[in-house]
N, C-alpha and C. Protein backbone atom coordinates (compact mmCIF):
# COMPACT_ATOMS: atom_id res chain seq x y z
N UNK A 1 0.86 -1.16 0.11
CA UNK A 1 -0.09 0.00 0.06
C UNK A 1 0.89 1.17 -0.04
N UNK A 2 0.42 2.12 -0.91
CA UNK A 2 1.47 3.35 -1.15
C UNK A 2 0.49 4.56 -0.82
N UNK A 3 0.89 5.51 0.15
CA UNK A 3 0.03 6.69 0.38
C UNK A 3 0.45 7.70 -0.44
N UNK A 4 -0.43 8.36 -1.17
CA UNK A 4 -0.37 9.42 -2.17
C UNK A 4 -0.66 10.68 -1.57
N UNK A 5 -2.03 10.88 -0.98
CA UNK A 5 -2.48 11.98 -0.47
C UNK A 5 -2.28 11.98 0.97
N UNK A 6 -1.69 13.16 1.73
CA UNK A 6 -1.65 13.19 3.09
C UNK A 6 -2.88 13.09 3.66
N UNK A 7 -3.15 12.33 4.69
CA UNK A 7 -4.33 12.25 5.45
C UNK A 7 -5.41 11.52 4.83
N UNK A 8 -5.03 10.60 3.86
CA UNK A 8 -5.99 9.82 2.97
C UNK A 8 -5.58 8.32 2.80
N UNK A 9 -6.51 7.35 3.10
CA UNK A 9 -6.22 6.09 2.86
C UNK A 9 -7.02 5.71 1.64
N UNK A 10 -6.31 5.06 0.71
CA UNK A 10 -6.86 4.51 -0.43
C UNK A 10 -6.56 3.16 -0.95
N UNK A 11 -7.60 2.42 -1.38
CA UNK A 11 -7.41 1.16 -1.79
C UNK A 11 -7.98 0.94 -3.06
N UNK A 12 -7.45 -0.15 -4.04
CA UNK A 12 -8.24 -0.32 -5.05
C UNK A 12 -8.31 -2.04 -5.31
N UNK A 13 -8.56 -2.54 -4.07
CA UNK A 13 -8.58 -4.04 -3.98
C UNK A 13 -9.76 -4.62 -4.58
N UNK A 14 -9.54 -5.83 -5.31
CA UNK A 14 -10.71 -6.29 -6.08
C UNK A 14 -11.94 -6.76 -5.11
N UNK A 15 -11.79 -6.94 -3.83
CA UNK A 15 -13.00 -7.26 -3.08
C UNK A 15 -13.84 -5.91 -2.71
N UNK A 16 -12.98 -4.79 -2.54
CA UNK A 16 -14.05 -3.55 -2.36
C UNK A 16 -14.08 -2.64 -3.44
N UNK A 17 -13.49 -2.95 -4.81
CA UNK A 17 -13.41 -2.00 -5.85
C UNK A 17 -12.65 -0.95 -5.38
N UNK A 18 -13.15 0.25 -5.00
CA UNK A 18 -12.39 1.34 -4.53
C UNK A 18 -12.78 1.83 -3.11
N UNK A 19 -11.85 2.04 -2.37
CA UNK A 19 -12.25 2.57 -0.98
C UNK A 19 -11.22 3.91 -0.65
N UNK A 20 -11.90 4.94 -0.36
CA UNK A 20 -11.20 6.30 -0.04
C UNK A 20 -11.72 6.56 1.43
N UNK A 21 -10.74 6.86 2.17
CA UNK A 21 -11.10 7.29 3.51
C UNK A 21 -10.29 8.50 3.91
N UNK A 22 -10.95 9.51 4.15
CA UNK A 22 -10.19 10.92 4.41
C UNK A 22 -10.32 11.20 5.90
N UNK A 23 -9.40 12.08 6.34
CA UNK A 23 -9.59 12.63 7.68
C UNK A 23 -9.64 14.05 7.61
N UNK A 24 -10.29 14.66 8.74
CA UNK A 24 -10.37 16.11 9.01
C UNK A 24 -9.19 16.98 8.17
N UNK A 25 -8.02 16.53 8.19
CA UNK A 25 -7.01 17.30 7.69
C UNK A 25 -7.12 17.59 6.24
N UNK A 26 -7.76 16.55 5.49
CA UNK A 26 -7.96 16.62 4.09
C UNK A 26 -9.34 17.10 3.65
N UNK A 27 -9.78 17.96 4.55
CA UNK A 27 -11.26 18.41 4.48
C UNK A 27 -11.78 19.12 3.11
N UNK A 28 -10.79 19.67 2.43
CA UNK A 28 -11.14 20.41 1.20
C UNK A 28 -11.18 19.71 0.00
N UNK A 29 -10.92 18.20 0.13
CA UNK A 29 -11.03 17.33 -0.95
C UNK A 29 -12.58 17.13 -1.59
N UNK A 30 -12.84 17.25 -2.61
CA UNK A 30 -14.06 17.14 -3.09
C UNK A 30 -14.07 16.22 -4.31
N UNK A 31 -15.05 15.29 -4.34
CA UNK A 31 -15.08 14.27 -5.41
C UNK A 31 -15.67 14.91 -6.77
N UNK A 32 -14.92 14.57 -7.74
CA UNK A 32 -15.16 15.13 -8.96
C UNK A 32 -16.75 14.90 -9.49
N UNK A 33 -17.08 13.70 -8.98
CA UNK A 33 -18.57 13.27 -9.46
C UNK A 33 -19.63 14.31 -9.04
N UNK A 34 -19.30 15.16 -7.90
CA UNK A 34 -20.38 16.05 -7.44
C UNK A 34 -20.06 17.62 -8.11
N UNK A 35 -19.06 17.48 -9.01
CA UNK A 35 -18.75 18.74 -9.66
C UNK A 35 -18.90 18.83 -11.19
N UNK A 36 -18.93 20.04 -11.77
CA UNK A 36 -18.91 20.10 -13.13
C UNK A 36 -17.74 21.01 -13.42
N UNK A 37 -16.65 20.54 -14.05
CA UNK A 37 -15.54 21.35 -14.22
C UNK A 37 -15.69 22.11 -15.54
N UNK A 38 -15.71 23.48 -15.44
CA UNK A 38 -15.92 24.22 -16.64
C UNK A 38 -14.81 24.13 -17.53
N UNK A 39 -15.01 24.12 -18.87
CA UNK A 39 -14.11 24.26 -19.93
C UNK A 39 -14.45 25.56 -20.56
N UNK A 40 -13.48 26.39 -20.74
CA UNK A 40 -13.69 27.59 -21.47
C UNK A 40 -14.03 27.35 -22.85
N UNK A 41 -15.05 27.98 -23.45
CA UNK A 41 -15.43 27.55 -24.82
C UNK A 41 -15.11 28.65 -25.77
N UNK A 42 -14.45 28.21 -26.97
CA UNK A 42 -14.04 29.12 -28.13
C UNK A 42 -15.03 28.65 -29.20
N UNK A 43 -15.88 29.76 -29.45
CA UNK A 43 -17.07 29.43 -30.58
C UNK A 43 -16.43 29.45 -31.98
N UNK A 44 -15.18 29.95 -32.14
CA UNK A 44 -14.56 29.83 -33.49
C UNK A 44 -14.18 28.60 -33.82
N UNK A 45 -14.20 27.65 -32.88
CA UNK A 45 -13.79 26.20 -33.13
C UNK A 45 -15.25 25.52 -33.30
N UNK A 46 -15.09 24.25 -34.05
CA UNK A 46 -16.37 23.63 -34.20
C UNK A 46 -16.81 22.74 -32.99
N UNK A 47 -17.97 22.98 -32.42
CA UNK A 47 -18.38 22.07 -31.29
C UNK A 47 -19.71 21.59 -31.54
N UNK A 48 -20.02 20.54 -30.97
CA UNK A 48 -21.50 19.92 -30.64
C UNK A 48 -21.35 19.73 -29.22
N UNK A 49 -22.20 20.69 -28.50
CA UNK A 49 -22.30 20.56 -27.03
C UNK A 49 -23.61 19.61 -26.85
N UNK A 50 -23.29 18.42 -26.24
CA UNK A 50 -24.34 17.49 -25.91
C UNK A 50 -24.38 17.28 -24.37
N UNK A 51 -23.28 17.17 -23.66
CA UNK A 51 -23.14 16.76 -22.49
C UNK A 51 -23.57 17.89 -21.25
N UNK A 52 -24.03 17.56 -20.33
CA UNK A 52 -24.31 18.55 -19.18
C UNK A 52 -23.06 19.51 -18.99
N UNK A 53 -21.88 18.89 -18.87
CA UNK A 53 -20.86 19.77 -18.60
C UNK A 53 -20.45 20.79 -19.81
N UNK A 54 -20.64 20.27 -21.08
CA UNK A 54 -20.55 21.19 -22.27
C UNK A 54 -21.39 22.19 -22.34
N UNK A 55 -22.69 21.87 -21.98
CA UNK A 55 -23.85 22.87 -22.07
C UNK A 55 -23.70 24.01 -21.00
N UNK A 56 -23.32 23.54 -19.68
CA UNK A 56 -23.02 24.49 -18.62
C UNK A 56 -21.79 25.30 -18.96
N UNK A 57 -20.64 24.75 -19.45
CA UNK A 57 -19.55 25.44 -19.82
C UNK A 57 -19.89 26.58 -20.91
N UNK A 58 -20.61 26.28 -21.86
CA UNK A 58 -21.13 27.38 -22.79
C UNK A 58 -21.86 28.46 -22.20
N UNK A 59 -22.66 28.35 -21.24
CA UNK A 59 -23.40 29.25 -20.60
C UNK A 59 -22.42 30.08 -19.62
N UNK A 60 -21.51 29.48 -18.80
CA UNK A 60 -20.54 30.17 -17.97
C UNK A 60 -19.54 30.93 -18.85
N UNK A 61 -19.30 30.30 -19.98
CA UNK A 61 -18.25 31.04 -20.93
C UNK A 61 -19.03 32.50 -21.51
N UNK A 62 -20.09 32.39 -21.62
CA UNK A 62 -20.84 33.65 -22.07
C UNK A 62 -20.80 34.66 -20.97
N UNK A 63 -21.03 34.21 -19.73
CA UNK A 63 -20.88 35.30 -18.60
C UNK A 63 -19.36 35.67 -18.49
N UNK A 64 -18.40 34.79 -18.50
CA UNK A 64 -16.99 35.21 -18.49
C UNK A 64 -16.50 36.21 -19.71
N UNK A 65 -17.24 35.78 -20.79
CA UNK A 65 -16.89 36.73 -21.98
C UNK A 65 -17.26 38.31 -21.73
N UNK A 66 -18.45 38.33 -20.94
CA UNK A 66 -19.00 39.64 -20.71
C UNK A 66 -18.20 40.38 -19.74
N UNK A 67 -17.62 39.61 -18.71
CA UNK A 67 -16.97 40.21 -17.63
C UNK A 67 -15.59 40.33 -17.57
N UNK A 68 -14.88 39.58 -18.56
CA UNK A 68 -13.45 39.58 -18.48
C UNK A 68 -12.79 40.81 -18.98
N UNK A 69 -13.55 41.73 -19.50
CA UNK A 69 -12.84 42.96 -19.85
C UNK A 69 -12.79 43.94 -18.77
N UNK A 70 -13.29 43.77 -17.72
CA UNK A 70 -13.30 44.68 -16.48
C UNK A 70 -12.29 43.97 -15.41
N UNK A 71 -11.68 42.88 -15.75
CA UNK A 71 -10.91 42.24 -14.77
C UNK A 71 -9.26 42.24 -15.11
N UNK A 72 -8.59 42.22 -14.08
CA UNK A 72 -7.13 42.12 -14.32
C UNK A 72 -6.29 40.85 -14.13
N UNK A 73 -7.10 39.95 -13.31
CA UNK A 73 -6.38 38.74 -13.04
C UNK A 73 -7.47 37.69 -13.11
N UNK A 74 -7.05 36.48 -13.22
CA UNK A 74 -8.04 35.16 -13.30
C UNK A 74 -8.79 35.08 -12.05
N UNK A 75 -8.20 35.28 -10.83
CA UNK A 75 -9.08 35.18 -9.56
C UNK A 75 -10.00 36.08 -9.48
N UNK A 76 -9.77 37.39 -10.03
CA UNK A 76 -10.74 38.50 -10.02
C UNK A 76 -11.81 38.11 -10.94
N UNK A 77 -11.53 37.59 -11.99
CA UNK A 77 -12.62 37.05 -12.94
C UNK A 77 -13.62 36.19 -12.46
N UNK A 78 -12.98 35.25 -11.64
CA UNK A 78 -13.79 33.91 -11.11
C UNK A 78 -14.57 34.60 -9.95
N UNK A 79 -14.25 35.58 -9.32
CA UNK A 79 -14.93 36.15 -8.07
C UNK A 79 -16.00 36.95 -8.80
N UNK A 80 -15.73 37.70 -9.86
CA UNK A 80 -16.95 38.39 -10.58
C UNK A 80 -17.93 37.39 -11.23
N UNK A 81 -17.56 36.31 -11.68
CA UNK A 81 -18.49 35.36 -12.16
C UNK A 81 -19.35 34.85 -11.18
N UNK A 82 -18.57 34.54 -10.05
CA UNK A 82 -19.36 33.86 -8.79
C UNK A 82 -20.48 34.86 -8.22
N UNK A 83 -20.17 36.12 -8.48
CA UNK A 83 -21.00 37.17 -7.91
C UNK A 83 -22.12 37.51 -8.91
N UNK A 84 -22.04 36.99 -10.05
CA UNK A 84 -22.96 37.18 -11.21
C UNK A 84 -24.24 36.43 -10.86
N UNK A 85 -25.55 37.24 -10.83
CA UNK A 85 -26.75 36.66 -10.61
C UNK A 85 -27.17 35.52 -11.53
N UNK A 86 -26.99 35.45 -12.73
CA UNK A 86 -27.21 34.31 -13.50
C UNK A 86 -26.55 33.21 -13.34
N UNK A 87 -25.12 33.44 -12.89
CA UNK A 87 -24.26 32.20 -12.36
C UNK A 87 -24.89 31.58 -11.33
N UNK A 88 -25.20 32.46 -10.23
CA UNK A 88 -25.83 31.84 -9.08
C UNK A 88 -27.12 31.10 -9.17
N UNK A 89 -28.00 31.55 -10.31
CA UNK A 89 -29.07 30.70 -10.74
C UNK A 89 -28.81 29.47 -11.15
N UNK A 90 -27.72 29.55 -12.13
CA UNK A 90 -27.30 28.25 -12.79
C UNK A 90 -26.86 27.20 -11.70
N UNK A 91 -25.91 27.73 -10.89
CA UNK A 91 -25.29 26.87 -9.90
C UNK A 91 -26.43 26.26 -8.88
N UNK A 92 -27.27 27.16 -8.57
CA UNK A 92 -28.40 26.64 -7.58
C UNK A 92 -29.32 25.42 -8.51
N UNK A 93 -29.66 25.78 -9.68
CA UNK A 93 -30.33 24.89 -10.27
C UNK A 93 -29.64 23.49 -10.57
N UNK A 94 -28.29 23.53 -10.85
CA UNK A 94 -27.63 22.36 -10.78
C UNK A 94 -27.51 21.57 -9.51
N UNK A 95 -27.36 22.27 -8.44
CA UNK A 95 -27.42 21.54 -7.05
C UNK A 95 -28.83 20.95 -6.77
N UNK A 96 -29.84 21.51 -7.11
CA UNK A 96 -31.14 21.19 -6.91
C UNK A 96 -31.38 20.11 -7.88
N UNK A 97 -31.23 20.17 -9.19
CA UNK A 97 -31.55 19.27 -10.25
C UNK A 97 -30.65 18.03 -10.32
N UNK A 98 -29.45 18.18 -10.17
CA UNK A 98 -28.41 17.20 -10.67
C UNK A 98 -27.51 16.86 -9.35
N UNK A 99 -27.77 17.63 -8.21
CA UNK A 99 -26.79 17.51 -7.29
C UNK A 99 -25.21 17.67 -7.37
N UNK A 100 -25.04 18.80 -8.20
CA UNK A 100 -23.71 19.06 -8.70
C UNK A 100 -23.25 20.44 -8.51
N UNK A 101 -22.27 20.70 -8.44
CA UNK A 101 -21.59 22.36 -8.36
C UNK A 101 -20.68 22.46 -9.38
N UNK A 102 -20.52 23.85 -9.89
CA UNK A 102 -19.61 24.35 -10.65
C UNK A 102 -18.13 24.41 -10.13
N UNK A 103 -17.36 23.91 -10.95
CA UNK A 103 -15.84 24.20 -10.43
C UNK A 103 -15.21 24.82 -11.68
N UNK A 104 -14.03 25.67 -11.34
CA UNK A 104 -13.52 26.41 -12.37
C UNK A 104 -12.15 25.79 -12.44
N UNK A 105 -11.53 25.74 -13.81
CA UNK A 105 -10.13 25.24 -13.89
C UNK A 105 -9.19 26.18 -13.25
N UNK A 106 -8.10 25.48 -12.51
CA UNK A 106 -7.05 26.34 -11.98
C UNK A 106 -6.17 26.97 -12.96
N UNK A 107 -5.50 27.99 -12.64
CA UNK A 107 -4.48 28.50 -13.63
C UNK A 107 -3.28 28.10 -13.25
N UNK A 108 -2.89 26.84 -13.11
CA UNK A 108 -1.72 26.35 -12.57
C UNK A 108 -0.60 26.67 -13.39
N UNK A 109 -0.80 26.93 -14.78
CA UNK A 109 0.23 27.18 -15.71
C UNK A 109 0.50 28.61 -15.93
N UNK A 110 -0.25 29.46 -15.15
CA UNK A 110 -0.22 30.94 -15.09
C UNK A 110 -0.44 31.61 -16.52
N UNK A 111 -1.40 31.05 -17.26
CA UNK A 111 -1.76 31.39 -18.56
C UNK A 111 -2.50 32.93 -18.52
N UNK A 112 -3.14 33.09 -17.38
CA UNK A 112 -4.00 34.34 -17.21
C UNK A 112 -3.55 35.34 -16.38
N UNK A 113 -2.16 35.91 -16.35
CA UNK A 113 -1.68 36.79 -15.43
C UNK A 113 -2.13 38.12 -15.71
N UNK A 114 -2.36 38.46 -16.86
CA UNK A 114 -2.53 39.99 -17.22
C UNK A 114 -4.03 40.08 -17.69
N UNK A 115 -4.38 41.45 -17.70
CA UNK A 115 -5.88 41.60 -18.37
C UNK A 115 -5.83 41.18 -19.84
N UNK A 116 -4.62 41.38 -20.48
CA UNK A 116 -4.48 41.07 -21.93
C UNK A 116 -4.74 39.45 -22.08
N UNK A 117 -4.18 38.64 -21.07
CA UNK A 117 -4.23 37.24 -21.22
C UNK A 117 -5.71 36.72 -20.96
N UNK A 118 -6.46 37.45 -20.10
CA UNK A 118 -7.89 37.14 -19.84
C UNK A 118 -8.73 37.27 -21.11
N UNK A 119 -8.29 38.27 -22.04
CA UNK A 119 -9.18 38.37 -23.20
C UNK A 119 -9.11 37.19 -24.07
N UNK A 120 -8.19 36.22 -23.81
CA UNK A 120 -8.15 34.92 -24.56
C UNK A 120 -8.78 33.72 -23.82
N UNK A 121 -9.32 34.03 -22.75
CA UNK A 121 -9.93 32.84 -21.88
C UNK A 121 -11.06 32.23 -22.51
N UNK A 122 -11.95 32.99 -23.08
CA UNK A 122 -12.99 32.46 -23.99
C UNK A 122 -13.36 33.26 -25.08
N UNK A 123 -13.70 32.75 -26.05
CA UNK A 123 -13.94 33.61 -27.32
C UNK A 123 -15.39 33.20 -27.69
N UNK A 124 -16.27 34.19 -27.51
CA UNK A 124 -17.57 33.93 -28.05
C UNK A 124 -17.76 34.78 -29.40
N UNK A 125 -18.12 34.04 -30.47
CA UNK A 125 -18.24 34.74 -31.81
C UNK A 125 -19.34 35.89 -31.69
N UNK A 126 -18.87 36.97 -32.11
CA UNK A 126 -19.94 38.22 -32.04
C UNK A 126 -21.34 37.84 -32.58
N UNK A 127 -21.42 36.98 -33.43
CA UNK A 127 -22.78 36.57 -33.92
C UNK A 127 -23.68 35.91 -32.93
N UNK A 128 -22.89 35.34 -31.83
CA UNK A 128 -23.55 34.40 -30.87
C UNK A 128 -23.81 35.35 -29.58
N UNK A 129 -23.26 36.53 -29.42
CA UNK A 129 -23.36 37.37 -28.30
C UNK A 129 -24.80 38.02 -28.30
N UNK A 130 -25.72 37.74 -27.10
CA UNK A 130 -26.84 38.59 -27.25
C UNK A 130 -26.53 40.00 -26.92
N UNK A 131 -27.35 41.03 -27.66
CA UNK A 131 -27.21 42.31 -27.55
C UNK A 131 -28.19 43.06 -26.98
N UNK A 132 -29.09 42.44 -26.29
CA UNK A 132 -30.26 43.08 -25.55
C UNK A 132 -30.02 43.54 -24.17
N UNK A 133 -30.94 43.14 -23.14
CA UNK A 133 -30.58 43.40 -21.77
C UNK A 133 -29.31 42.91 -21.26
N UNK A 134 -29.14 43.34 -20.06
CA UNK A 134 -27.98 42.85 -19.34
C UNK A 134 -27.79 41.36 -19.03
N UNK A 135 -28.89 40.54 -19.26
CA UNK A 135 -29.01 39.29 -18.83
C UNK A 135 -28.53 38.40 -20.04
N UNK A 136 -27.22 38.11 -19.88
CA UNK A 136 -26.62 37.36 -21.03
C UNK A 136 -27.16 35.90 -21.18
N UNK A 137 -27.18 35.22 -20.18
CA UNK A 137 -27.63 33.67 -20.13
C UNK A 137 -29.08 33.68 -20.55
N UNK A 138 -29.89 34.49 -19.98
CA UNK A 138 -31.34 34.53 -20.30
C UNK A 138 -31.72 34.62 -21.86
N UNK A 139 -30.90 35.68 -22.32
CA UNK A 139 -30.99 35.83 -23.75
C UNK A 139 -30.54 34.87 -24.57
N UNK A 140 -29.39 34.23 -24.33
CA UNK A 140 -28.90 33.11 -25.01
C UNK A 140 -29.79 31.84 -24.83
N UNK A 141 -30.47 31.56 -23.69
CA UNK A 141 -31.48 30.43 -23.57
C UNK A 141 -32.60 30.85 -24.42
N UNK A 142 -33.06 32.04 -24.36
CA UNK A 142 -34.40 32.55 -25.35
C UNK A 142 -33.97 32.26 -26.82
N UNK A 143 -32.82 32.61 -27.25
CA UNK A 143 -32.41 32.33 -28.62
C UNK A 143 -32.35 30.85 -29.07
N UNK A 144 -31.76 30.11 -28.07
CA UNK A 144 -31.62 28.60 -28.32
C UNK A 144 -33.04 27.84 -28.34
N UNK A 145 -33.80 28.24 -27.43
CA UNK A 145 -35.29 27.77 -27.37
C UNK A 145 -36.02 28.17 -28.68
N UNK A 146 -35.76 29.37 -29.08
CA UNK A 146 -36.65 29.86 -30.27
C UNK A 146 -35.97 29.14 -31.46
N UNK A 147 -34.78 29.14 -31.56
CA UNK A 147 -34.23 28.37 -32.70
C UNK A 147 -34.84 26.89 -32.71
N UNK A 148 -34.69 26.32 -31.59
CA UNK A 148 -35.15 24.91 -31.41
C UNK A 148 -36.74 24.83 -31.98
N UNK A 149 -37.48 25.83 -31.43
CA UNK A 149 -38.87 25.64 -31.77
C UNK A 149 -39.12 25.83 -33.23
N UNK A 150 -38.34 26.75 -33.93
CA UNK A 150 -38.34 26.76 -35.33
C UNK A 150 -38.03 25.51 -36.20
N UNK A 151 -37.10 24.85 -35.54
CA UNK A 151 -36.57 23.52 -36.12
C UNK A 151 -37.45 22.28 -35.71
N UNK A 152 -38.11 22.29 -34.64
CA UNK A 152 -38.72 21.35 -33.95
C UNK A 152 -40.32 21.15 -34.49
N UNK A 153 -40.61 20.13 -35.15
CA UNK A 153 -41.91 19.83 -35.69
C UNK A 153 -43.06 19.74 -34.57
N UNK A 154 -42.84 19.19 -33.52
CA UNK A 154 -43.61 19.07 -32.45
C UNK A 154 -43.85 20.24 -31.50
N UNK A 155 -42.82 21.16 -31.65
CA UNK A 155 -42.92 22.41 -30.83
C UNK A 155 -43.43 22.24 -29.37
N UNK A 156 -42.41 22.40 -28.52
CA UNK A 156 -42.82 22.15 -27.07
C UNK A 156 -43.54 23.51 -26.59
N UNK A 157 -43.32 24.58 -27.03
CA UNK A 157 -43.90 25.88 -26.68
C UNK A 157 -44.31 26.67 -27.92
N UNK A 158 -45.09 27.37 -27.86
CA UNK A 158 -45.26 28.35 -28.92
C UNK A 158 -44.70 29.65 -28.52
N UNK A 159 -44.60 30.56 -29.28
CA UNK A 159 -43.81 31.84 -29.18
C UNK A 159 -44.37 32.65 -28.07
N UNK A 160 -45.69 32.63 -27.86
CA UNK A 160 -46.30 33.54 -26.74
C UNK A 160 -45.91 32.86 -25.41
N UNK A 161 -45.99 31.37 -25.31
CA UNK A 161 -45.58 30.88 -23.99
C UNK A 161 -44.16 30.97 -23.67
N UNK A 162 -43.30 31.08 -24.78
CA UNK A 162 -41.88 31.23 -24.42
C UNK A 162 -41.66 32.49 -23.47
N UNK A 163 -42.27 33.43 -23.63
CA UNK A 163 -42.16 34.60 -22.65
C UNK A 163 -42.45 34.39 -21.31
N UNK A 164 -43.29 33.32 -21.22
CA UNK A 164 -43.88 32.95 -19.62
C UNK A 164 -42.94 32.05 -19.15
N UNK A 165 -42.14 31.40 -19.76
CA UNK A 165 -40.98 30.59 -19.19
C UNK A 165 -40.13 31.20 -18.07
N UNK A 166 -39.91 30.62 -17.03
CA UNK A 166 -39.00 31.02 -15.92
C UNK A 166 -37.67 30.55 -16.38
N UNK A 167 -36.70 31.16 -15.68
CA UNK A 167 -35.22 30.85 -16.14
C UNK A 167 -34.97 29.23 -15.84
N UNK A 168 -35.61 28.78 -14.93
CA UNK A 168 -35.39 27.35 -14.47
C UNK A 168 -36.06 26.49 -15.53
N UNK A 169 -37.21 27.02 -16.05
CA UNK A 169 -37.72 26.15 -17.08
C UNK A 169 -36.91 26.23 -18.42
N UNK A 170 -36.40 27.39 -18.68
CA UNK A 170 -35.45 27.35 -19.83
C UNK A 170 -34.25 26.43 -19.75
N UNK A 171 -33.76 26.30 -18.49
CA UNK A 171 -32.70 25.52 -18.32
C UNK A 171 -33.07 24.22 -18.43
N UNK A 172 -34.22 23.78 -17.95
CA UNK A 172 -34.82 22.33 -18.13
C UNK A 172 -34.92 22.11 -19.70
N UNK A 173 -35.19 22.88 -20.55
CA UNK A 173 -35.34 22.67 -21.90
C UNK A 173 -33.81 22.53 -22.56
N UNK A 174 -33.05 23.43 -22.19
CA UNK A 174 -31.68 23.51 -22.58
C UNK A 174 -30.67 22.32 -22.24
N UNK A 175 -30.98 21.97 -20.73
CA UNK A 175 -29.96 20.88 -20.40
C UNK A 175 -30.57 19.55 -20.42
N UNK A 176 -31.74 19.36 -21.04
CA UNK A 176 -32.34 17.88 -21.25
C UNK A 176 -31.55 16.95 -22.11
N UNK A 177 -31.71 15.75 -21.80
CA UNK A 177 -30.71 14.86 -22.47
C UNK A 177 -31.39 14.80 -24.06
N UNK A 178 -30.44 14.76 -25.03
CA UNK A 178 -31.00 14.80 -26.33
C UNK A 178 -30.94 16.04 -26.97
N UNK A 179 -31.12 16.98 -26.25
CA UNK A 179 -30.85 18.50 -26.85
C UNK A 179 -29.44 18.68 -26.95
N UNK A 180 -28.91 19.37 -28.11
CA UNK A 180 -27.66 19.72 -28.23
C UNK A 180 -27.47 21.11 -29.01
N UNK A 181 -26.31 21.75 -28.95
CA UNK A 181 -25.92 22.98 -29.57
C UNK A 181 -24.71 22.58 -30.46
N UNK A 182 -24.74 23.13 -31.71
CA UNK A 182 -23.88 23.03 -32.73
C UNK A 182 -23.43 24.36 -33.23
N UNK A 183 -22.01 24.66 -33.35
CA UNK A 183 -21.63 25.82 -33.92
C UNK A 183 -20.44 25.66 -34.43
N UNK A 184 -19.77 26.61 -35.25
CA UNK A 184 -18.37 26.54 -35.88
C UNK A 184 -18.38 27.63 -36.83
N UNK A 185 -17.09 27.66 -37.44
CA UNK A 185 -16.84 28.75 -38.47
C UNK A 185 -17.80 28.65 -39.72
N UNK A 186 -18.06 29.61 -40.24
CA UNK A 186 -18.85 29.59 -41.58
C UNK A 186 -17.95 29.03 -42.78
């Protein structure tokens, strides 16, 4: 038996599959299954967003894209995102619906040390940026749902009903299994 993490006993014996026992000292260890690790999205690349992680990363990337211009450091950007009302709604929804929380990638390679570096953290094509009110995610969800309704023969909601959907109902539609978002260069 080899100890890797301080204060943690781990085994992968065939009789128990996997066993991890931690002590108070390692209190900050969080299992990844309870988390969605954000991947910063660059919409100039080709993507098909199908998984919960990919779809949530897309929404959070829109928030980061809006806030990155007023931040000087990566940690400052993460604080701004976490203070954002729509981010809080998304995180609350994920806890309630999927028992998951959002985690951000660490900047262990110091890629985002200056405000100029932050400009590259996520790239949202200007054609995908909502230009209406200040509610970035709400508008993105409206556009995605409207587009889906135009393409869906069965139409879950008509245009008048769309205005009555709550933020949570929009997330239900957007994050549902089988729904996906595809984009890329023209």
